Amino acid sequence: MVFTGETPSNSMIPPNDTVVINYERRQHDMLKRFAALAGVCLLAPIGAAPLALADPPADPNVAPVANAGPVPGGPAGPVPSAAPGVLKTPDGWSLSVSGKDESIEPVASLTNSPWSREYLVDGTFNGSVTGGGDTKLAGGTLEAGYQIGCGIIQDDIESIATGGITPGVGIPFVNGSLLPVTLGLSASYQMKIDLKPGVVNIVPVGKKEFKGTAPRISITGFRIKIDGCAGQSFIRSYATLTSSTDNTDDVVTYLGVTKAV
């Protein structure tokens, strides 16, 4: 870069000083322009920031409320119903008990224990007393529930911890010890679980006393639970109809299809 300048002959400033002054003025003007440009660049994002914060982009992982699925209902494990239980009484009455719309769904235990079993169940159980018997009916009862069988039952858990000291005799400096007597420490830990043969747990859910001839029990979203089941479990529904007269009780039972879990 070349700078030129003229100085009158009678000036007190030497010619070389004139060139330096012109160079400093140009440098000062350039710094001014650079500062103004930098200020504009800084103000631009600051002014646009409120607009970006006022309307954030939508999160693609969040589903809109309008597109949300239906709320889950009751059990989602439908099972077929078995044949109804039928009884012809000696005094001429016909008893029948049946199940329909059954569902059994295994769910996670609230205690999160490997020894617990929980199920959500649905079902409708109907009883009927028909015919022309020669005795007078006096009502009866209808009971419905579930039978849960466990292959193995966990009984007691026992923890056994043992420790000991084993003395020994050795030659000093040969066996790495300064003393002729050595001591060895030992420890062990064991857990003992007592298991028993499986049992069947009967869980009544509803019982209805009736005076007519067509009782019914409906179960929806009922949660049943048993503890101490260490092996495979099996579950089935049951319904027991009892018809009474002045002198007799006649009982017939319906057993649903067994489901292994």
C-alpha atoms as a PDB file:
ATOM      1  CA  MET A   1       0.000   0.000   0.000  1.00  0.00           C
ATOM      2  CA  VAL A   2       1.397   3.419  -0.984  1.00  0.00           C
ATOM      3  CA  PHE A   3       0.364   6.713   0.599  1.00  0.00           C
ATOM      4  CA  THR A   4       1.182  10.078  -0.927  1.00  0.00           C
ATOM      5  CA  GLY A   5       0.902  13.521   0.531  1.00  0.00           C
ATOM      6  CA  GLU A   6       2.201  17.049  -0.029  1.00  0.00           C
ATOM      7  CA  THR A   7       3.323  19.525   2.558  1.00  0.00           C
ATOM      8  CA  PRO A   8       3.865  23.251   1.967  1.00  0.00           C
ATOM      9  CA  SER A   9       7.450  24.358   2.082  1.00  0.00           C
ATOM     10  CA  ASN A  10       6.830  26.677   4.960  1.00  0.00           C
ATOM     11  CA  SER A  11       5.050  23.979   7.077  1.00  0.00           C
ATOM     12  CA  MET A  12       6.592  23.018  10.381  1.00  0.00           C
ATOM     13  CA  ILE A  13       5.635  19.296   9.824  1.00  0.00           C
ATOM     14  CA  PRO A  14       8.195  17.307   7.938  1.00  0.00           C
ATOM     15  CA  PRO A  15       6.971  15.425   4.795  1.00  0.00           C
ATOM     16  CA  ASN A  16       7.355  12.007   6.398  1.00  0.00           C
ATOM     17  CA  ASP A  17       5.066  13.020   9.284  1.00  0.00           C
ATOM     18  CA  THR A  18       2.320  13.890   6.783  1.00  0.00           C
ATOM     19  CA  VAL A  19       2.245  10.343   5.432  1.00  0.00           C
ATOM     20  CA  VAL A  20       1.960   8.933   8.946  1.00  0.00           C
ATOM     21  CA  ILE A  21      -1.008  11.170   9.788  1.00  0.00           C
ATOM     22  CA  ASN A  22      -2.911  10.213   6.627  1.00  0.00           C
ATOM     23  CA  TYR A  23      -2.320   6.505   7.370  1.00  0.00           C
ATOM     24  CA  GLU A  24      -3.589   6.826  10.950  1.00  0.00           C
ATOM     25  CA  ARG A  25      -6.766   8.604   9.774  1.00  0.00           C
ATOM     26  CA  ARG A  26      -7.570   5.844   7.277  1.00  0.00           C
ATOM     27  CA  GLN A  27      -6.917   3.179   9.888  1.00  0.00           C
ATOM     28  CA  HIS A  28      -9.249   4.965  12.322  1.00  0.00           C
ATOM     29  CA  ASP A  29     -12.027   5.117   9.659  1.00  0.00           C
ATOM     30  CA  MET A  30     -11.658   1.366   8.953  1.00  0.00           C
ATOM     31  CA  LEU A  31     -11.985   0.521  12.646  1.00  0.00           C
ATOM     32  CA  LYS A  32     -15.151   2.600  12.845  1.00  0.00           C
ATOM     33  CA  ARG A  33     -16.732   0.752   9.913  1.00  0.00           C
ATOM     34  CA  PHE A  34     -15.739  -2.651  11.348  1.00  0.00           C
ATOM     35  CA  ALA A  35     -17.259  -1.765  14.740  1.00  0.00           C
ATOM     36  CA  ALA A  36     -20.543  -0.693  13.101  1.00  0.00           C
ATOM     37  CA  LEU A  37     -20.735  -3.912  11.053  1.00  0.00           C
ATOM     38  CA  ALA A  38     -20.024  -6.058  14.113  1.00  0.00           C
ATOM     39  CA  GLY A  39     -22.782  -4.287  16.046  1.00  0.00           C
ATOM     40  CA  VAL A  40     -25.344  -5.058  13.310  1.00  0.00           C
ATOM     41  CA  CYS A  41     -24.331  -8.747  13.311  1.00  0.00           C
ATOM     42  CA  LEU A  42     -24.747  -8.970  17.094  1.00  0.00           C
ATOM     43  CA  LEU A  43     -28.145  -7.255  17.106  1.00  0.00           C
ATOM     44  CA  ALA A  44     -29.614  -9.496  14.385  1.00  0.00           C
ATOM     45  CA  PRO A  45     -29.691 -12.814  16.346  1.00  0.00           C
ATOM     46  CA  ILE A  46     -30.745 -11.059  19.560  1.00  0.00           C
ATOM     47  CA  GLY A  47     -33.775  -9.565  17.857  1.00  0.00           C
ATOM     48  CA  ALA A  48     -34.744 -12.881  16.248  1.00  0.00           C
ATOM     49  CA  ALA A  49     -34.350 -14.976  19.400  1.00  0.00           C
ATOM     50  CA  PRO A  50     -37.754 -14.103  20.959  1.00  0.00           C
ATOM     51  CA  LEU A  51     -39.496 -15.205  17.751  1.00  0.00           C
ATOM     52  CA  ALA A  52     -37.810 -18.615  17.878  1.00  0.00           C
ATOM     53  CA  LEU A  53     -38.606 -19.082  21.570  1.00  0.00           C
ATOM     54  CA  ALA A  54     -42.218 -18.031  21.135  1.00  0.00           C
ATOM     55  CA  ASP A  55     -42.974 -20.871  18.660  1.00  0.00           C
ATOM     56  CA  PRO A  56     -40.798 -23.946  19.440  1.00  0.00           C
ATOM     57  CA  PRO A  57     -40.835 -26.852  16.994  1.00  0.00           C
ATOM     58  CA  ALA A  58     -43.108 -29.787  17.798  1.00  0.00           C
ATOM     59  CA  ASP A  59     -41.527 -32.887  19.331  1.00  0.00           C
ATOM     60  CA  PRO A  60     -41.940 -35.748  16.803  1.00  0.00           C
ATOM     61  CA  ASN A  61     -41.939 -38.312  19.656  1.00  0.00           C
ATOM     62  CA  VAL A  62     -45.085 -36.883  21.306  1.00  0.00           C
ATOM     63  CA  ALA A  63     -48.372 -38.054  19.804  1.00  0.00           C
ATOM     64  CA  PRO A  64     -51.200 -35.493  19.564  1.00  0.00           C
ATOM     65  CA  VAL A  65     -54.069 -35.959  21.988  1.00  0.00           C
ATOM     66  CA  ALA A  66     -56.534 -36.393  19.159  1.00  0.00           C
ATOM     67  CA  ASN A  67     -54.563 -39.381  17.803  1.00  0.00           C
ATOM     68  CA  ALA A  68     -54.264 -41.170  21.154  1.00  0.00           C
ATOM     69  CA  GLY A  69     -55.573 -44.734  21.195  1.00  0.00           C
ATOM     70  CA  PRO A  70     -58.499 -45.959  23.290  1.00  0.00           C
ATOM     71  CA  VAL A  71     -58.078 -46.495  27.002  1.00  0.00           C
ATOM     72  CA  PRO A  72     -57.255 -50.186  27.732  1.00  0.00           C
ATOM     73  CA  GLY A  73     -60.224 -52.126  28.983  1.00  0.00           C
ATOM     74  CA  GLY A  74     -60.436 -55.370  30.944  1.00  0.00           C
ATOM     75  CA  PRO A  75     -58.540 -58.611  30.431  1.00  0.00           C
ATOM     76  CA  ALA A  76     -57.221 -59.383  26.956  1.00  0.00           C
ATOM     77  CA  GLY A  77     -56.953 -63.177  27.314  1.00  0.00           C
ATOM     78  CA  PRO A  78     -60.273 -64.717  26.160  1.00  0.00           C
ATOM     79  CA  VAL A  79     -60.707 -68.421  26.877  1.00  0.00           C
ATOM     80  CA  PRO A  80     -63.446 -70.745  25.617  1.00  0.00           C
ATOM     81  CA  SER A  81     -66.122 -71.790  28.038  1.00  0.00           C
ATOM     82  CA  ALA A  82     -66.578 -75.447  28.924  1.00  0.00           C
ATOM     83  CA  ALA A  83     -69.775 -77.490  28.803  1.00  0.00           C
ATOM     84  CA  PRO A  84     -72.367 -76.518  31.399  1.00  0.00           C
ATOM     85  CA  GLY A  85     -72.918 -78.527  34.531  1.00  0.00           C
ATOM     86  CA  VAL A  86     -76.294 -80.293  34.462  1.00  0.00           C
ATOM     87  CA  LEU A  87     -78.146 -82.199  37.190  1.00  0.00           C
ATOM     88  CA  LYS A  88     -81.512 -83.984  37.150  1.00  0.00           C
ATOM     89  CA  THR A  89     -82.772 -84.217  40.732  1.00  0.00           C
ATOM     90  CA  PRO A  90     -84.683 -87.238  42.087  1.00  0.00           C
ATOM     91  CA  ASP A  91     -87.763 -85.087  42.720  1.00  0.00           C
ATOM     92  CA  GLY A  92     -88.000 -83.924  39.085  1.00  0.00           C
ATOM     93  CA  TRP A  93     -86.070 -80.587  38.913  1.00  0.00           C
ATOM     94  CA  SER A  94     -83.448 -79.819  36.246  1.00  0.00           C
ATOM     95  CA  LEU A  95     -80.424 -77.753  37.387  1.00  0.00           C
ATOM     96  CA  SER A  96     -77.952 -76.150  35.020  1.00  0.00           C
ATOM     97  CA  VAL A  97     -74.976 -73.820  35.565  1.00  0.00           C
ATOM     98  CA  SER A  98     -72.777 -72.388  32.797  1.00  0.00           C
ATOM     99  CA  GLY A  99     -70.166 -69.752  31.977  1.00  0.00           C
ATOM    100  CA  LYS A 100     -69.722 -67.399  29.024  1.00  0.00           C
ATOM    101  CA  ASP A 101     -67.629 -64.394  27.895  1.00  0.00           C
ATOM    102  CA  GLU A 102     -64.688 -65.628  29.944  1.00  0.00           C
ATOM    103  CA  SER A 103     -61.247 -64.076  29.903  1.00  0.00           C
ATOM    104  CA  ILE A 104     -58.128 -64.837  31.956  1.00  0.00           C
ATOM    105  CA  GLU A 105     -55.032 -62.623  31.564  1.00  0.00           C
ATOM    106  CA  PRO A 106     -51.834 -63.117  33.595  1.00  0.00           C
ATOM    107  CA  VAL A 107     -50.353 -59.793  34.732  1.00  0.00           C
ATOM    108  CA  ALA A 108     -47.224 -58.700  36.585  1.00  0.00           C
ATOM    109  CA  SER A 109     -47.413 -59.011  40.344  1.00  0.00           C
ATOM    110  CA  LEU A 110     -47.679 -55.781  42.333  1.00  0.00           C
ATOM    111  CA  THR A 111     -44.938 -57.080  44.646  1.00  0.00           C
ATOM    112  CA  ASN A 112     -42.737 -58.039  41.655  1.00  0.00           C
ATOM    113  CA  SER A 113     -41.977 -61.313  43.453  1.00  0.00           C
ATOM    114  CA  PRO A 114     -41.101 -64.438  41.436  1.00  0.00           C
ATOM    115  CA  TRP A 115     -43.234 -66.462  43.885  1.00  0.00           C
ATOM    116  CA  SER A 116     -46.475 -64.496  43.253  1.00  0.00           C
ATOM    117  CA  ARG A 117     -49.103 -64.972  40.540  1.00  0.00           C
ATOM    118  CA  GLU A 118     -51.751 -62.419  39.569  1.00  0.00           C
ATOM    119  CA  TYR A 119     -54.518 -62.504  36.962  1.00  0.00           C
ATOM    120  CA  LEU A 120     -57.211 -60.219  35.566  1.00  0.00           C
ATOM    121  CA  VAL A 121     -60.427 -62.139  34.958  1.00  0.00           C
ATOM    122  CA  ASP A 122     -63.798 -61.657  33.278  1.00  0.00           C
ATOM    123  CA  GLY A 123     -66.817 -63.926  33.047  1.00  0.00           C
ATOM    124  CA  THR A 124     -70.567 -64.318  33.346  1.00  0.00           C
ATOM    125  CA  PHE A 125     -71.990 -67.329  35.172  1.00  0.00           C
ATOM    126  CA  ASN A 126     -75.664 -68.311  34.959  1.00  0.00           C
ATOM    127  CA  GLY A 127     -77.726 -70.818  36.878  1.00  0.00           C
ATOM    128  CA  SER A 128     -81.189 -72.125  36.146  1.00  0.00           C
ATOM    129  CA  VAL A 129     -83.731 -74.379  37.806  1.00  0.00           C
ATOM    130  CA  THR A 130     -86.417 -75.747  35.487  1.00  0.00           C
ATOM    131  CA  GLY A 131     -88.860 -78.641  35.316  1.00  0.00           C
ATOM    132  CA  GLY A 132     -91.945 -79.705  37.219  1.00  0.00           C
ATOM    133  CA  GLY A 133     -90.699 -81.304  40.388  1.00  0.00           C
ATOM    134  CA  ASP A 134     -93.010 -82.566  43.088  1.00  0.00           C
ATOM    135  CA  THR A 135     -91.363 -80.493  45.831  1.00  0.00           C
ATOM    136  CA  LYS A 136     -91.522 -76.800  46.587  1.00  0.00           C
ATOM    137  CA  LEU A 137     -88.431 -74.772  45.725  1.00  0.00           C
ATOM    138  CA  ALA A 138     -86.954 -72.592  48.472  1.00  0.00           C
ATOM    139  CA  GLY A 139     -84.302 -70.699  46.531  1.00  0.00           C
ATOM    140  CA  GLY A 140     -80.596 -71.430  46.744  1.00  0.00           C
ATOM    141  CA  THR A 141     -77.137 -69.972  46.140  1.00  0.00           C
ATOM    142  CA  LEU A 142     -74.787 -69.410  43.216  1.00  0.00           C
ATOM    143  CA  GLU A 143     -71.055 -69.046  43.866  1.00  0.00           C
ATOM    144  CA  ALA A 144     -68.419 -68.209  41.243  1.00  0.00           C
ATOM    145  CA  GLY A 145     -64.648 -67.966  41.513  1.00  0.00           C
ATOM    146  CA  TYR A 146     -61.372 -69.441  40.333  1.00  0.00           C
ATOM    147  CA  GLN A 147     -59.169 -72.402  41.123  1.00  0.00           C
ATOM    148  CA  ILE A 148     -55.406 -71.849  40.870  1.00  0.00           C
ATOM    149  CA  GLY A 149     -53.014 -74.769  40.963  1.00  0.00           C
ATOM    150  CA  CYS A 150     -49.275 -74.441  41.646  1.00  0.00           C
ATOM    151  CA  GLY A 151     -46.874 -77.179  40.596  1.00  0.00           C
ATOM    152  CA  ILE A 152     -44.429 -76.421  43.433  1.00  0.00           C
ATOM    153  CA  ILE A 153     -44.965 -74.440  46.629  1.00  0.00           C
ATOM    154  CA  GLN A 154     -42.107 -72.467  48.163  1.00  0.00           C
ATOM    155  CA  ASP A 155     -42.137 -72.947  51.932  1.00  0.00           C
ATOM    156  CA  ASP A 156     -39.223 -71.586  53.990  1.00  0.00           C
ATOM    157  CA  ILE A 157     -36.018 -69.791  52.992  1.00  0.00           C
ATOM    158  CA  GLU A 158     -33.048 -70.300  55.283  1.00  0.00           C
ATOM    159  CA  SER A 159     -29.688 -68.525  55.033  1.00  0.00           C
ATOM    160  CA  ILE A 160     -26.635 -70.394  56.347  1.00  0.00           C
ATOM    161  CA  ALA A 161     -23.332 -68.532  56.846  1.00  0.00           C
ATOM    162  CA  THR A 162     -20.257 -70.276  58.262  1.00  0.00           C
ATOM    163  CA  GLY A 163     -16.688 -69.184  59.046  1.00  0.00           C
ATOM    164  CA  GLY A 164     -13.615 -70.689  60.576  1.00  0.00           C
ATOM    165  CA  ILE A 165      -9.917 -70.439  61.362  1.00  0.00           C
ATOM    166  CA  THR A 166      -7.507 -73.177  60.294  1.00  0.00           C
ATOM    167  CA  PRO A 167      -4.157 -73.266  62.188  1.00  0.00           C
ATOM    168  CA  GLY A 168      -0.959 -74.638  60.689  1.00  0.00           C
ATOM    169  CA  VAL A 169       2.727 -75.174  61.447  1.00  0.00           C
ATOM    170  CA  GLY A 170       5.528 -74.269  59.088  1.00  0.00           C
ATOM    171  CA  ILE A 171       9.217 -73.509  58.866  1.00  0.00           C
ATOM    172  CA  PRO A 172       9.992 -69.793  59.345  1.00  0.00           C
ATOM    173  CA  PHE A 173      11.246 -67.936  56.250  1.00  0.00           C
ATOM    174  CA  VAL A 174      10.533 -71.021  54.114  1.00  0.00           C
ATOM    175  CA  ASN A 175       6.758 -70.755  53.983  1.00  0.00           C
ATOM    176  CA  GLY A 176       6.862 -66.955  53.740  1.00  0.00           C
ATOM    177  CA  SER A 177       6.140 -66.349  57.445  1.00  0.00           C
ATOM    178  CA  LEU A 178       8.328 -65.142  60.288  1.00  0.00           C
ATOM    179  CA  LEU A 179       6.500 -67.350  62.796  1.00  0.00           C
ATOM    180  CA  PRO A 180       6.313 -71.136  62.879  1.00  0.00           C
ATOM    181  CA  VAL A 181       2.526 -71.024  63.409  1.00  0.00           C
ATOM    182  CA  THR A 182       0.151 -69.912  60.580  1.00  0.00           C
ATOM    183  CA  LEU A 183      -3.595 -69.168  60.606  1.00  0.00           C
ATOM    184  CA  GLY A 184      -5.997 -69.575  57.663  1.00  0.00           C
ATOM    185  CA  LEU A 185      -9.438 -67.936  57.444  1.00  0.00           C
ATOM    186  CA  SER A 186     -12.439 -69.515  55.645  1.00  0.00           C
ATOM    187  CA  ALA A 187     -16.028 -68.367  55.098  1.00  0.00           C
ATOM    188  CA  SER A 188     -19.023 -69.738  53.168  1.00  0.00           C
ATOM    189  CA  TYR A 189     -22.661 -68.731  52.540  1.00  0.00           C
ATOM    190  CA  GLN A 190     -25.577 -70.960  51.527  1.00  0.00           C
ATOM    191  CA  MET A 191     -29.288 -70.395  50.934  1.00  0.00           C
ATOM    192  CA  LYS A 192     -31.754 -73.203  51.604  1.00  0.00           C
ATOM    193  CA  ILE A 193     -35.246 -73.144  50.045  1.00  0.00           C
ATOM    194  CA  ASP A 194     -37.802 -75.732  51.164  1.00  0.00           C
ATOM    195  CA  LEU A 195     -40.183 -76.802  48.396  1.00  0.00           C
ATOM    196  CA  LYS A 196     -43.428 -78.731  48.810  1.00  0.00           C
ATOM    197  CA  PRO A 197     -45.759 -80.520  46.399  1.00  0.00           C
ATOM    198  CA  GLY A 198     -48.258 -78.318  44.635  1.00  0.00           C
ATOM    199  CA  VAL A 199     -51.690 -77.400  45.971  1.00  0.00           C
ATOM    200  CA  VAL A 200     -54.905 -75.959  44.548  1.00  0.00           C
ATOM    201  CA  ASN A 201     -56.023 -72.554  45.829  1.00  0.00           C
ATOM    202  CA  ILE A 202     -59.743 -71.771  45.613  1.00  0.00           C
ATOM    203  CA  VAL A 203     -60.505 -68.061  45.312  1.00  0.00           C
ATOM    204  CA  PRO A 204     -64.255 -67.259  45.611  1.00  0.00           C
ATOM    205  CA  VAL A 205     -65.177 -64.017  43.880  1.00  0.00           C
ATOM    206  CA  GLY A 206     -68.955 -63.736  44.255  1.00  0.00           C
ATOM    207  CA  LYS A 207     -71.790 -65.562  46.017  1.00  0.00           C
ATOM    208  CA  LYS A 208     -75.461 -64.836  45.441  1.00  0.00           C
ATOM    209  CA  GLU A 209     -78.444 -66.074  47.453  1.00  0.00           C
ATOM    210  CA  PHE A 210     -81.582 -66.190  45.324  1.00  0.00           C
ATOM    211  CA  LYS A 211     -85.269 -66.906  45.669  1.00  0.00           C
ATOM    212  CA  GLY A 212     -86.156 -67.357  41.989  1.00  0.00           C
ATOM    213  CA  THR A 213     -84.894 -69.830  39.404  1.00  0.00           C
ATOM    214  CA  ALA A 214     -82.325 -67.913  37.279  1.00  0.00           C
ATOM    215  CA  PRO A 215     -79.420 -66.450  39.297  1.00  0.00           C
ATOM    216  CA  ARG A 216     -76.441 -64.759  37.637  1.00  0.00           C
ATOM    217  CA  ILE A 217     -72.967 -63.503  38.636  1.00  0.00           C
ATOM    218  CA  SER A 218     -70.959 -61.221  36.318  1.00  0.00           C
ATOM    219  CA  ILE A 219     -67.241 -60.581  36.900  1.00  0.00           C
ATOM    220  CA  THR A 220     -65.371 -57.796  35.095  1.00  0.00           C
ATOM    221  CA  GLY A 221     -61.722 -56.797  35.502  1.00  0.00           C
ATOM    222  CA  PHE A 222     -61.298 -58.600  38.824  1.00  0.00           C
ATOM    223  CA  ARG A 223     -57.698 -59.068  40.004  1.00  0.00           C
ATOM    224  CA  ILE A 224     -56.879 -62.276  41.868  1.00  0.00           C
ATOM    225  CA  LYS A 225     -53.527 -63.089  43.478  1.00  0.00           C
ATOM    226  CA  ILE A 226     -51.755 -65.981  45.197  1.00  0.00           C
ATOM    227  CA  ASP A 227     -48.296 -66.136  46.824  1.00  0.00           C
ATOM    228  CA  GLY A 228     -45.709 -68.856  47.326  1.00  0.00           C
ATOM    229  CA  CYS A 229     -46.089 -70.436  43.866  1.00  0.00           C
ATOM    230  CA  ALA A 230     -42.602 -71.518  42.744  1.00  0.00           C
ATOM    231  CA  GLY A 231     -43.514 -73.665  39.724  1.00  0.00           C
ATOM    232  CA  GLN A 232     -45.860 -73.455  36.772  1.00  0.00           C
ATOM    233  CA  SER A 233     -49.389 -72.323  37.584  1.00  0.00           C
ATOM    234  CA  PHE A 234     -52.788 -73.353  36.217  1.00  0.00           C
ATOM    235  CA  ILE A 235     -56.069 -71.456  36.514  1.00  0.00           C
ATOM    236  CA  ARG A 236     -59.695 -72.176  35.685  1.00  0.00           C
ATOM    237  CA  SER A 237     -63.085 -70.756  36.629  1.00  0.00           C
ATOM    238  CA  TYR A 238     -65.797 -72.503  38.580  1.00  0.00           C
ATOM    239  CA  ALA A 239     -69.430 -71.860  39.445  1.00  0.00           C
ATOM    240  CA  THR A 240     -71.493 -73.868  41.928  1.00  0.00           C
ATOM    241  CA  LEU A 241     -75.289 -73.810  41.941  1.00  0.00           C
ATOM    242  CA  THR A 242     -77.200 -75.018  44.995  1.00  0.00           C
ATOM    243  CA  SER A 243     -80.974 -75.443  44.753  1.00  0.00           C
ATOM    244  CA  SER A 244     -82.878 -75.952  47.975  1.00  0.00           C
ATOM    245  CA  THR A 245     -86.261 -77.274  48.958  1.00  0.00           C
ATOM    246  CA  ASP A 246     -87.720 -77.672  52.421  1.00  0.00           C
ATOM    247  CA  ASN A 247     -85.863 -80.952  52.917  1.00  0.00           C
ATOM    248  CA  THR A 248     -83.118 -81.149  50.259  1.00  0.00           C
ATOM    249  CA  ASP A 249     -80.127 -79.385  48.716  1.00  0.00           C
ATOM    250  CA  ASP A 250     -79.051 -80.237  45.174  1.00  0.00           C
ATOM    251  CA  VAL A 251     -75.580 -79.060  44.063  1.00  0.00           C
ATOM    252  CA  VAL A 252     -74.089 -78.899  40.564  1.00  0.00           C
ATOM    253  CA  THR A 253     -70.767 -77.330  39.521  1.00  0.00           C
ATOM    254  CA  TYR A 254     -69.408 -75.836  36.312  1.00  0.00           C
ATOM    255  CA  LEU A 255     -65.630 -76.025  35.689  1.00  0.00           C
ATOM    256  CA  GLY A 256     -64.085 -73.787  33.036  1.00  0.00           C
ATOM    257  CA  VAL A 257     -61.252 -74.553  30.660  1.00  0.00           C
ATOM    258  CA  THR A 258     -57.850 -74.804  32.391  1.00  0.00           C
ATOM    259  CA  LYS A 259     -55.235 -72.262  31.283  1.00  0.00           C
ATOM    260  CA  ALA A 260     -51.542 -72.921  31.956  1.00  0.00           C
ATOM    261  CA  VAL A 261     -49.301 -69.939  32.712  1.00  0.00           C
END
